[in-house]
Amino acid sequence: SVINYLQQVCKWKPYRMLTPAGMAEADPVADNMTDEGKA
């Protein structure tokens, strides 16, 4: 969703966009035991 918007609306050139990655729940930046952390 992010790369589509960047390319189609923000006009970021596709050849300057690296293939996206999905990391699921890996590498959390906050505690997944709280609603605030999950957000």
All heavy atoms as atom14 arrays in JSON, in Angstrom:
{
  "sequence": "SVINYLQQVCKWKPYRMLTPAGMAEADPVADNMTDEGKA",
  "atom14_mask": [
    [1, 1, 1, 1, 1, 1, 0, 0, 0, 0, 0, 0, 0, 0],
    [1, 1, 1, 1, 1, 1, 1, 0, 0, 0, 0, 0, 0, 0],
    [1, 1, 1, 1, 1, 1, 1, 1, 0, 0, 0, 0, 0, 0],
    [1, 1, 1, 1, 1, 1, 1, 1, 0, 0, 0, 0, 0, 0],
    [1, 1, 1, 1, 1, 1, 1, 1, 1, 1, 1, 1, 0, 0],
    [1, 1, 1, 1, 1, 1, 1, 1, 0, 0, 0, 0, 0, 0],
    [1, 1, 1, 1, 1, 1, 1, 1, 1, 0, 0, 0, 0, 0],
    [1, 1, 1, 1, 1, 1, 1, 1, 1, 0, 0, 0, 0, 0],
    [1, 1, 1, 1, 1, 1, 1, 0, 0, 0, 0, 0, 0, 0],
    [1, 1, 1, 1, 1, 1, 0, 0, 0, 0, 0, 0, 0, 0],
    [1, 1, 1, 1, 1, 1, 1, 1, 1, 0, 0, 0, 0, 0],
    [1, 1, 1, 1, 1, 1, 1, 1, 1, 1, 1, 1, 1, 1],
    [1, 1, 1, 1, 1, 1, 1, 1, 1, 0, 0, 0, 0, 0],
    [1, 1, 1, 1, 1, 1, 1, 0, 0, 0, 0, 0, 0, 0],
    [1, 1, 1, 1, 1, 1, 1, 1, 1, 1, 1, 1, 0, 0],
    [1, 1, 1, 1, 1, 1, 1, 1, 1, 1, 1, 0, 0, 0],
    [1, 1, 1, 1, 1, 1, 1, 1, 0, 0, 0, 0, 0, 0],
    [1, 1, 1, 1, 1, 1, 1, 1, 0, 0, 0, 0, 0, 0],
    [1, 1, 1, 1, 1, 1, 1, 0, 0, 0, 0, 0, 0, 0],
    [1, 1, 1, 1, 1, 1, 1, 0, 0, 0, 0, 0, 0, 0],
    [1, 1, 1, 1, 1, 0, 0, 0, 0, 0, 0, 0, 0, 0],
    [1, 1, 1, 1, 0, 0, 0, 0, 0, 0, 0, 0, 0, 0],
    [1, 1, 1, 1, 1, 1, 1, 1, 0, 0, 0, 0, 0, 0],
    [1, 1, 1, 1, 1, 0, 0, 0, 0, 0, 0, 0, 0, 0],
    [1, 1, 1, 1, 1, 1, 1, 1, 1, 0, 0, 0, 0, 0],
    [1, 1, 1, 1, 1, 0, 0, 0, 0, 0, 0, 0, 0, 0],
    [1, 1, 1, 1, 1, 1, 1, 1, 0, 0, 0, 0, 0, 0],
    [1, 1, 1, 1, 1, 1, 1, 0, 0, 0, 0, 0, 0, 0],
    [1, 1, 1, 1, 1, 1, 1, 0, 0, 0, 0, 0, 0, 0],
    [1, 1, 1, 1, 1, 0, 0, 0, 0, 0, 0, 0, 0, 0],
    [1, 1, 1, 1, 1, 1, 1, 1, 0, 0, 0, 0, 0, 0],
    [1, 1, 1, 1, 1, 1, 1, 1, 0, 0, 0, 0, 0, 0],
    [1, 1, 1, 1, 1, 1, 1, 1, 0, 0, 0, 0, 0, 0],
    [1, 1, 1, 1, 1, 1, 1, 0, 0, 0, 0, 0, 0, 0],
    [1, 1, 1, 1, 1, 1, 1, 1, 0, 0, 0, 0, 0, 0],
    [1, 1, 1, 1, 1, 1, 1, 1, 1, 0, 0, 0, 0, 0],
    [1, 1, 1, 1, 0, 0, 0, 0, 0, 0, 0, 0, 0, 0],
    [1, 1, 1, 1, 1, 1, 1, 1, 1, 0, 0, 0, 0, 0],
    [1, 1, 1, 1, 1, 0, 0, 0, 0, 0, 0, 0, 0, 0]
  ],
  "atom14_positions": [
    [[0.83, -1.2, 0.0], [0.0, 0.0, 0.0], [0.87, 1.26, 0.0], [0.58, 2.24, -0.7], [-0.91, 0.02, 1.23], [-1.87, -1.01, 1.18], [0.0, 0.0, 0.0], [0.0, 0.0, 0.0], [0.0, 0.0, 0.0], [0.0, 0.0, 0.0], [0.0, 0.0, 0.0], [0.0, 0.0, 0.0], [0.0, 0.0, 0.0], [0.0, 0.0, 0.0]],
    [[1.95, 1.2, 0.76], [2.84, 2.36, 0.86], [3.56, 2.61, -0.45], [3.61, 3.75, -0.94], [3.84, 2.16, 2.02], [4.98, 3.17, 1.93], [3.12, 2.29, 3.36], [0.0, 0.0, 0.0], [0.0, 0.0, 0.0], [0.0, 0.0, 0.0], [0.0, 0.0, 0.0], [0.0, 0.0, 0.0], [0.0, 0.0, 0.0], [0.0, 0.0, 0.0]],
    [[4.13, 1.56, -1.06], [4.88, 1.82, -2.3], [3.94, 2.24, -3.43], [4.32, 3.07, -4.27], [5.73, 0.61, -2.72], [4.88, -0.61, -3.05], [6.78, 0.28, -1.69], [5.65, -1.7, -3.76], [0.0, 0.0, 0.0], [0.0, 0.0, 0.0], [0.0, 0.0, 0.0], [0.0, 0.0, 0.0], [0.0, 0.0, 0.0], [0.0, 0.0, 0.0]],
    [[2.73, 1.69, -3.46], [1.78, 2.1, -4.49], [1.47, 3.59, -4.37], [1.42, 4.32, -5.37], [0.49, 1.29, -4.4], [0.67, -0.14, -4.88], [1.62, -0.44, -5.61], [-0.22, -1.02, -4.48], [0.0, 0.0, 0.0], [0.0, 0.0, 0.0], [0.0, 0.0, 0.0], [0.0, 0.0, 0.0], [0.0, 0.0, 0.0], [0.0, 0.0, 0.0]],
    [[1.25, 4.05, -3.14], [0.93, 5.47, -2.94], [2.14, 6.35, -3.26], [2.0, 7.4, -3.89], [0.47, 5.7, -1.5], [-0.2, 7.04, -1.32], [-1.54, 7.21, -1.61], [0.52, 8.15, -0.86], [-2.17, 8.44, -1.46], [-0.09, 9.39, -0.71], [-1.44, 9.52, -1.02], [-2.04, 10.74, -0.88], [0.0, 0.0, 0.0], [0.0, 0.0, 0.0]],
    [[3.32, 5.92, -2.84], [4.52, 6.69, -3.12], [4.74, 6.87, -4.62], [5.12, 7.95, -5.08], [5.75, 6.01, -2.49], [5.9, 6.15, -0.97], [6.98, 5.2, -0.46], [6.25, 7.6, -0.59], [0.0, 0.0, 0.0], [0.0, 0.0, 0.0], [0.0, 0.0, 0.0], [0.0, 0.0, 0.0], [0.0, 0.0, 0.0], [0.0, 0.0, 0.0]],
    [[4.49, 5.81, -5.37], [4.74, 5.87, -6.81], [3.61, 6.57, -7.56], [3.86, 7.39, -8.45], [4.93, 4.45, -7.35], [6.21, 3.79, -6.86], [6.35, 2.34, -7.35], [5.53, 1.86, -8.12], [7.37, 1.66, -6.88], [0.0, 0.0, 0.0], [0.0, 0.0, 0.0], [0.0, 0.0, 0.0], [0.0, 0.0, 0.0], [0.0, 0.0, 0.0]],
    [[2.37, 6.26, -7.21], [1.23, 6.76, -7.98], [0.84, 8.19, -7.61], [0.45, 8.97, -8.48], [0.04, 5.83, -7.78], [0.27, 4.43, -8.33], [-0.82, 3.45, -7.92], [-1.85, 3.84, -7.39], [-0.59, 2.17, -8.16], [0.0, 0.0, 0.0], [0.0, 0.0, 0.0], [0.0, 0.0, 0.0], [0.0, 0.0, 0.0], [0.0, 0.0, 0.0]],
    [[0.93, 8.54, -6.34], [0.48, 9.86, -5.89], [1.67, 10.79, -5.61], [1.68, 11.94, -6.05], [-0.41, 9.74, -4.64], [-0.86, 11.12, -4.16], [-1.62, 8.85, -4.93], [0.0, 0.0, 0.0], [0.0, 0.0, 0.0], [0.0, 0.0, 0.0], [0.0, 0.0, 0.0], [0.0, 0.0, 0.0], [0.0, 0.0, 0.0], [0.0, 0.0, 0.0]],
    [[2.66, 10.28, -4.89], [3.81, 11.11, -4.55], [4.83, 11.2, -5.67], [5.8, 11.96, -5.56], [4.47, 10.58, -3.28], [3.36, 10.43, -1.86], [0.0, 0.0, 0.0], [0.0, 0.0, 0.0], [0.0, 0.0, 0.0], [0.0, 0.0, 0.0], [0.0, 0.0, 0.0], [0.0, 0.0, 0.0], [0.0, 0.0, 0.0], [0.0, 0.0, 0.0]],
    [[4.63, 10.41, -6.75], [5.44, 10.46, -7.96], [6.9, 10.07, -7.72], [7.81, 10.57, -8.39], [5.37, 11.85, -8.6], [3.96, 12.33, -8.91], [3.22, 11.34, -9.81], [1.8, 11.82, -10.12], [1.04, 10.83, -10.92], [0.0, 0.0, 0.0], [0.0, 0.0, 0.0], [0.0, 0.0, 0.0], [0.0, 0.0, 0.0], [0.0, 0.0, 0.0]],
    [[7.12, 9.17, -6.76], [8.47, 8.64, -6.56], [8.77, 7.64, -7.68], [7.98, 6.74, -7.94], [8.59, 7.97, -5.21], [10.0, 7.55, -4.89], [10.54, 6.31, -5.01], [11.06, 8.4, -4.42], [11.86, 6.32, -4.64], [12.2, 7.6, -4.28], [11.14, 9.76, -4.1], [13.42, 8.11, -3.82], [12.36, 10.26, -3.66], [13.47, 9.44, -3.52]],
    [[9.89, 7.79, -8.35], [10.21, 6.96, -9.51], [10.43, 5.51, -9.11], [11.16, 5.22, -8.15], [11.44, 7.5, -10.23], [11.21, 8.89, -10.83], [12.46, 9.42, -11.51], [12.2, 10.81, -12.1], [13.41, 11.37, -12.74], [0.0, 0.0, 0.0], [0.0, 0.0, 0.0], [0.0, 0.0, 0.0], [0.0, 0.0, 0.0], [0.0, 0.0, 0.0]],
    [[9.81, 4.56, -9.83], [9.9, 3.15, -9.45], [11.32, 2.62, -9.37], [11.63, 1.78, -8.53], [9.11, 2.44, -10.56], [8.14, 3.46, -11.04], [8.87, 4.78, -10.94], [0.0, 0.0, 0.0], [0.0, 0.0, 0.0], [0.0, 0.0, 0.0], [0.0, 0.0, 0.0], [0.0, 0.0, 0.0], [0.0, 0.0, 0.0], [0.0, 0.0, 0.0]],
    [[12.23, 3.1, -10.25], [13.58, 2.54, -10.23], [14.37, 3.02, -9.03], [15.47, 2.52, -8.76], [14.32, 2.84, -11.54], [14.67, 4.29, -11.8], [15.75, 4.9, -11.17], [13.93, 5.04, -12.71], [16.08, 6.21, -11.42], [14.26, 6.36, -12.96], [15.33, 6.95, -12.32], [15.66, 8.25, -12.58], [0.0, 0.0, 0.0], [0.0, 0.0, 0.0]],
    [[13.81, 3.98, -8.28], [14.47, 4.41, -7.05], [13.77, 3.83, -5.82], [14.01, 4.24, -4.69], [14.48, 5.94, -6.97], [15.29, 6.59, -8.07], [15.24, 8.1, -8.02], [15.86, 8.64, -6.82], [15.83, 9.93, -6.47], [15.18, 10.79, -7.24], [16.43, 10.35, -5.38], [0.0, 0.0, 0.0], [0.0, 0.0, 0.0], [0.0, 0.0, 0.0]],
    [[12.91, 2.83, -6.05], [12.18, 2.15, -4.98], [12.66, 0.7, -4.92], [12.5, -0.05, -5.88], [10.68, 2.18, -5.26], [9.85, 1.39, -4.27], [9.68, 2.25, -2.71], [8.62, 3.61, -3.2], [0.0, 0.0, 0.0], [0.0, 0.0, 0.0], [0.0, 0.0, 0.0], [0.0, 0.0, 0.0], [0.0, 0.0, 0.0], [0.0, 0.0, 0.0]],
    [[13.25, 0.32, -3.81], [13.67, -1.06, -3.64], [12.46, -1.93, -3.32], [11.47, -1.47, -2.78], [14.7, -1.15, -2.52], [15.94, -0.29, -2.72], [16.88, -0.42, -1.54], [16.65, -0.68, -4.01], [0.0, 0.0, 0.0], [0.0, 0.0, 0.0], [0.0, 0.0, 0.0], [0.0, 0.0, 0.0], [0.0, 0.0, 0.0], [0.0, 0.0, 0.0]],
    [[12.53, -3.2, -3.7], [11.42, -4.11, -3.46], [11.07, -4.14, -1.97], [11.95, -4.3, -1.13], [11.78, -5.52, -3.93], [12.11, -5.48, -5.31], [10.62, -6.48, -3.71], [0.0, 0.0, 0.0], [0.0, 0.0, 0.0], [0.0, 0.0, 0.0], [0.0, 0.0, 0.0], [0.0, 0.0, 0.0], [0.0, 0.0, 0.0], [0.0, 0.0, 0.0]],
    [[9.79, -3.96, -1.61], [9.4, -3.91, -0.21], [9.54, -5.26, 0.47], [9.58, -6.3, -0.17], [7.94, -3.47, -0.27], [7.46, -3.99, -1.59], [8.63, -3.83, -2.52], [0.0, 0.0, 0.0], [0.0, 0.0, 0.0], [0.0, 0.0, 0.0], [0.0, 0.0, 0.0], [0.0, 0.0, 0.0], [0.0, 0.0, 0.0], [0.0, 0.0, 0.0]],
    [[9.6, -5.21, 1.8], [9.68, -6.43, 2.59], [8.61, -6.42, 3.66], [8.25, -5.36, 4.19], [11.07, -6.56, 3.24], [0.0, 0.0, 0.0], [0.0, 0.0, 0.0], [0.0, 0.0, 0.0], [0.0, 0.0, 0.0], [0.0, 0.0, 0.0], [0.0, 0.0, 0.0], [0.0, 0.0, 0.0], [0.0, 0.0, 0.0], [0.0, 0.0, 0.0]],
    [[8.07, -7.6, 3.97], [7.14, -7.75, 5.08], [7.82, -8.53, 6.19], [8.29, -9.64, 5.96], [0.0, 0.0, 0.0], [0.0, 0.0, 0.0], [0.0, 0.0, 0.0], [0.0, 0.0, 0.0], [0.0, 0.0, 0.0], [0.0, 0.0, 0.0], [0.0, 0.0, 0.0], [0.0, 0.0, 0.0], [0.0, 0.0, 0.0], [0.0, 0.0, 0.0]],
    [[7.89, -7.95, 7.38], [8.6, -8.58, 8.5], [7.66, -9.07, 9.59], [8.11, -9.48, 10.67], [9.59, -7.58, 9.1], [10.68, -7.13, 8.14], [11.79, -8.46, 7.63], [12.66, -8.76, 9.16], [0.0, 0.0, 0.0], [0.0, 0.0, 0.0], [0.0, 0.0, 0.0], [0.0, 0.0, 0.0], [0.0, 0.0, 0.0], [0.0, 0.0, 0.0]],
    [[6.32, -9.06, 9.31], [5.33, -9.54, 10.27], [5.54, -8.87, 11.63], [5.69, -7.67, 11.72], [5.35, -11.06, 10.35], [0.0, 0.0, 0.0], [0.0, 0.0, 0.0], [0.0, 0.0, 0.0], [0.0, 0.0, 0.0], [0.0, 0.0, 0.0], [0.0, 0.0, 0.0], [0.0, 0.0, 0.0], [0.0, 0.0, 0.0], [0.0, 0.0, 0.0]],
    [[5.59, -9.67, 12.71], [5.7, -9.1, 14.05], [7.13, -8.99, 14.53], [7.4, -8.65, 15.69], [4.89, -9.93, 15.04], [5.36, -11.37, 15.15], [4.36, -12.26, 15.88], [3.24, -12.45, 15.38], [4.72, -12.74, 16.98], [0.0, 0.0, 0.0], [0.0, 0.0, 0.0], [0.0, 0.0, 0.0], [0.0, 0.0, 0.0], [0.0, 0.0, 0.0]],
    [[8.1, -9.28, 13.64], [9.5, -9.18, 14.01], [9.88, -7.73, 14.31], [9.24, -6.79, 13.82], [10.38, -9.72, 12.89], [0.0, 0.0, 0.0], [0.0, 0.0, 0.0], [0.0, 0.0, 0.0], [0.0, 0.0, 0.0], [0.0, 0.0, 0.0], [0.0, 0.0, 0.0], [0.0, 0.0, 0.0], [0.0, 0.0, 0.0], [0.0, 0.0, 0.0]],
    [[10.92, -7.56, 15.11], [11.51, -6.24, 15.35], [10.51, -5.23, 15.92], [10.36, -4.13, 15.37], [12.12, -5.72, 14.05], [13.01, -4.52, 14.26], [13.5, -4.35, 15.38], [13.19, -3.75, 13.3], [0.0, 0.0, 0.0], [0.0, 0.0, 0.0], [0.0, 0.0, 0.0], [0.0, 0.0, 0.0], [0.0, 0.0, 0.0], [0.0, 0.0, 0.0]],
    [[9.8, -5.56, 17.0], [8.86, -4.58, 17.57], [9.6, -3.38, 18.14], [10.71, -3.51, 18.67], [8.16, -5.39, 18.67], [9.14, -6.44, 19.05], [9.86, -6.8, 17.78], [0.0, 0.0, 0.0], [0.0, 0.0, 0.0], [0.0, 0.0, 0.0], [0.0, 0.0, 0.0], [0.0, 0.0, 0.0], [0.0, 0.0, 0.0], [0.0, 0.0, 0.0]],
    [[8.97, -2.21, 18.06], [9.57, -1.0, 18.63], [8.95, -0.67, 19.98], [9.4, 0.25, 20.66], [9.41, 0.2, 17.67], [10.2, -0.02, 16.41], [7.94, 0.46, 17.35], [0.0, 0.0, 0.0], [0.0, 0.0, 0.0], [0.0, 0.0, 0.0], [0.0, 0.0, 0.0], [0.0, 0.0, 0.0], [0.0, 0.0, 0.0], [0.0, 0.0, 0.0]],
    [[7.91, -1.41, 20.36], [7.23, -1.15, 21.63], [6.68, -2.47, 22.18], [6.7, -3.5, 21.5], [6.11, -0.13, 21.45], [0.0, 0.0, 0.0], [0.0, 0.0, 0.0], [0.0, 0.0, 0.0], [0.0, 0.0, 0.0], [0.0, 0.0, 0.0], [0.0, 0.0, 0.0], [0.0, 0.0, 0.0], [0.0, 0.0, 0.0], [0.0, 0.0, 0.0]],
    [[6.19, -2.43, 23.4], [5.7, -3.61, 24.1], [4.38, -4.08, 23.49], [3.39, -3.33, 23.47], [5.51, -3.27, 25.58], [5.18, -4.49, 26.43], [5.01, -5.59, 25.86], [5.11, -4.33, 27.66], [0.0, 0.0, 0.0], [0.0, 0.0, 0.0], [0.0, 0.0, 0.0], [0.0, 0.0, 0.0], [0.0, 0.0, 0.0], [0.0, 0.0, 0.0]],
    [[4.35, -5.32, 23.02], [3.13, -5.88, 22.44], [2.11, -6.32, 23.48], [1.05, -6.83, 23.13], [3.49, -7.07, 21.54], [3.75, -6.66, 20.11], [2.94, -5.98, 19.48], [4.9, -7.06, 19.58], [0.0, 0.0, 0.0], [0.0, 0.0, 0.0], [0.0, 0.0, 0.0], [0.0, 0.0, 0.0], [0.0, 0.0, 0.0], [0.0, 0.0, 0.0]],
    [[2.43, -6.1, 24.75], [1.48, -6.46, 25.81], [0.51, -5.32, 26.11], [-0.43, -5.5, 26.89], [2.24, -6.84, 27.09], [3.16, -8.05, 26.91], [2.27, -9.54, 26.4], [1.31, -9.87, 27.89], [0.0, 0.0, 0.0], [0.0, 0.0, 0.0], [0.0, 0.0, 0.0], [0.0, 0.0, 0.0], [0.0, 0.0, 0.0], [0.0, 0.0, 0.0]],
    [[0.74, -4.15, 25.52], [-0.15, -3.01, 25.77], [-0.76, -2.54, 24.46], [-0.19, -2.72, 23.37], [0.62, -1.84, 26.4], [1.55, -1.3, 25.44], [1.39, -2.29, 27.63], [0.0, 0.0, 0.0], [0.0, 0.0, 0.0], [0.0, 0.0, 0.0], [0.0, 0.0, 0.0], [0.0, 0.0, 0.0], [0.0, 0.0, 0.0], [0.0, 0.0, 0.0]],
    [[-1.93, -1.91, 24.54], [-2.58, -1.38, 23.35], [-1.73, -0.29, 22.7], [-1.65, -0.19, 21.47], [-3.96, -0.81, 23.71], [-4.96, -1.91, 24.08], [-4.7, -3.08, 23.7], [-5.97, -1.59, 24.72], [0.0, 0.0, 0.0], [0.0, 0.0, 0.0], [0.0, 0.0, 0.0], [0.0, 0.0, 0.0], [0.0, 0.0, 0.0], [0.0, 0.0, 0.0]],
    [[-1.11, 0.53, 23.53], [-0.28, 1.61, 22.99], [0.93, 1.05, 22.25], [1.31, 1.54, 21.17], [0.21, 2.53, 24.13], [-0.9, 3.32, 24.81], [-1.68, 2.49, 25.84], [-1.3, 1.33, 26.08], [-2.67, 3.01, 26.38], [0.0, 0.0, 0.0], [0.0, 0.0, 0.0], [0.0, 0.0, 0.0], [0.0, 0.0, 0.0], [0.0, 0.0, 0.0]],
    [[1.53, 0.0, 22.81], [2.68, -0.62, 22.16], [2.3, -1.28, 20.85], [3.02, -1.16, 19.84], [0.0, 0.0, 0.0], [0.0, 0.0, 0.0], [0.0, 0.0, 0.0], [0.0, 0.0, 0.0], [0.0, 0.0, 0.0], [0.0, 0.0, 0.0], [0.0, 0.0, 0.0], [0.0, 0.0, 0.0], [0.0, 0.0, 0.0], [0.0, 0.0, 0.0]],
    [[1.17, -1.97, 20.83], [0.7, -2.61, 19.61], [0.47, -1.57, 18.51], [0.79, -1.82, 17.33], [-0.58, -3.4, 19.87], [-0.38, -4.64, 20.73], [-1.72, -5.32, 21.0], [-1.56, -6.52, 21.91], [-2.86, -7.17, 22.19], [0.0, 0.0, 0.0], [0.0, 0.0, 0.0], [0.0, 0.0, 0.0], [0.0, 0.0, 0.0], [0.0, 0.0, 0.0]],
    [[-0.09, -0.43, 18.88], [-0.35, 0.63, 17.89], [0.93, 1.11, 17.25], [0.98, 1.4, 16.05], [-1.09, 1.79, 18.55], [0.0, 0.0, 0.0], [0.0, 0.0, 0.0], [0.0, 0.0, 0.0], [0.0, 0.0, 0.0], [0.0, 0.0, 0.0], [0.0, 0.0, 0.0], [0.0, 0.0, 0.0], [0.0, 0.0, 0.0], [0.0, 0.0, 0.0]]
  ]
}
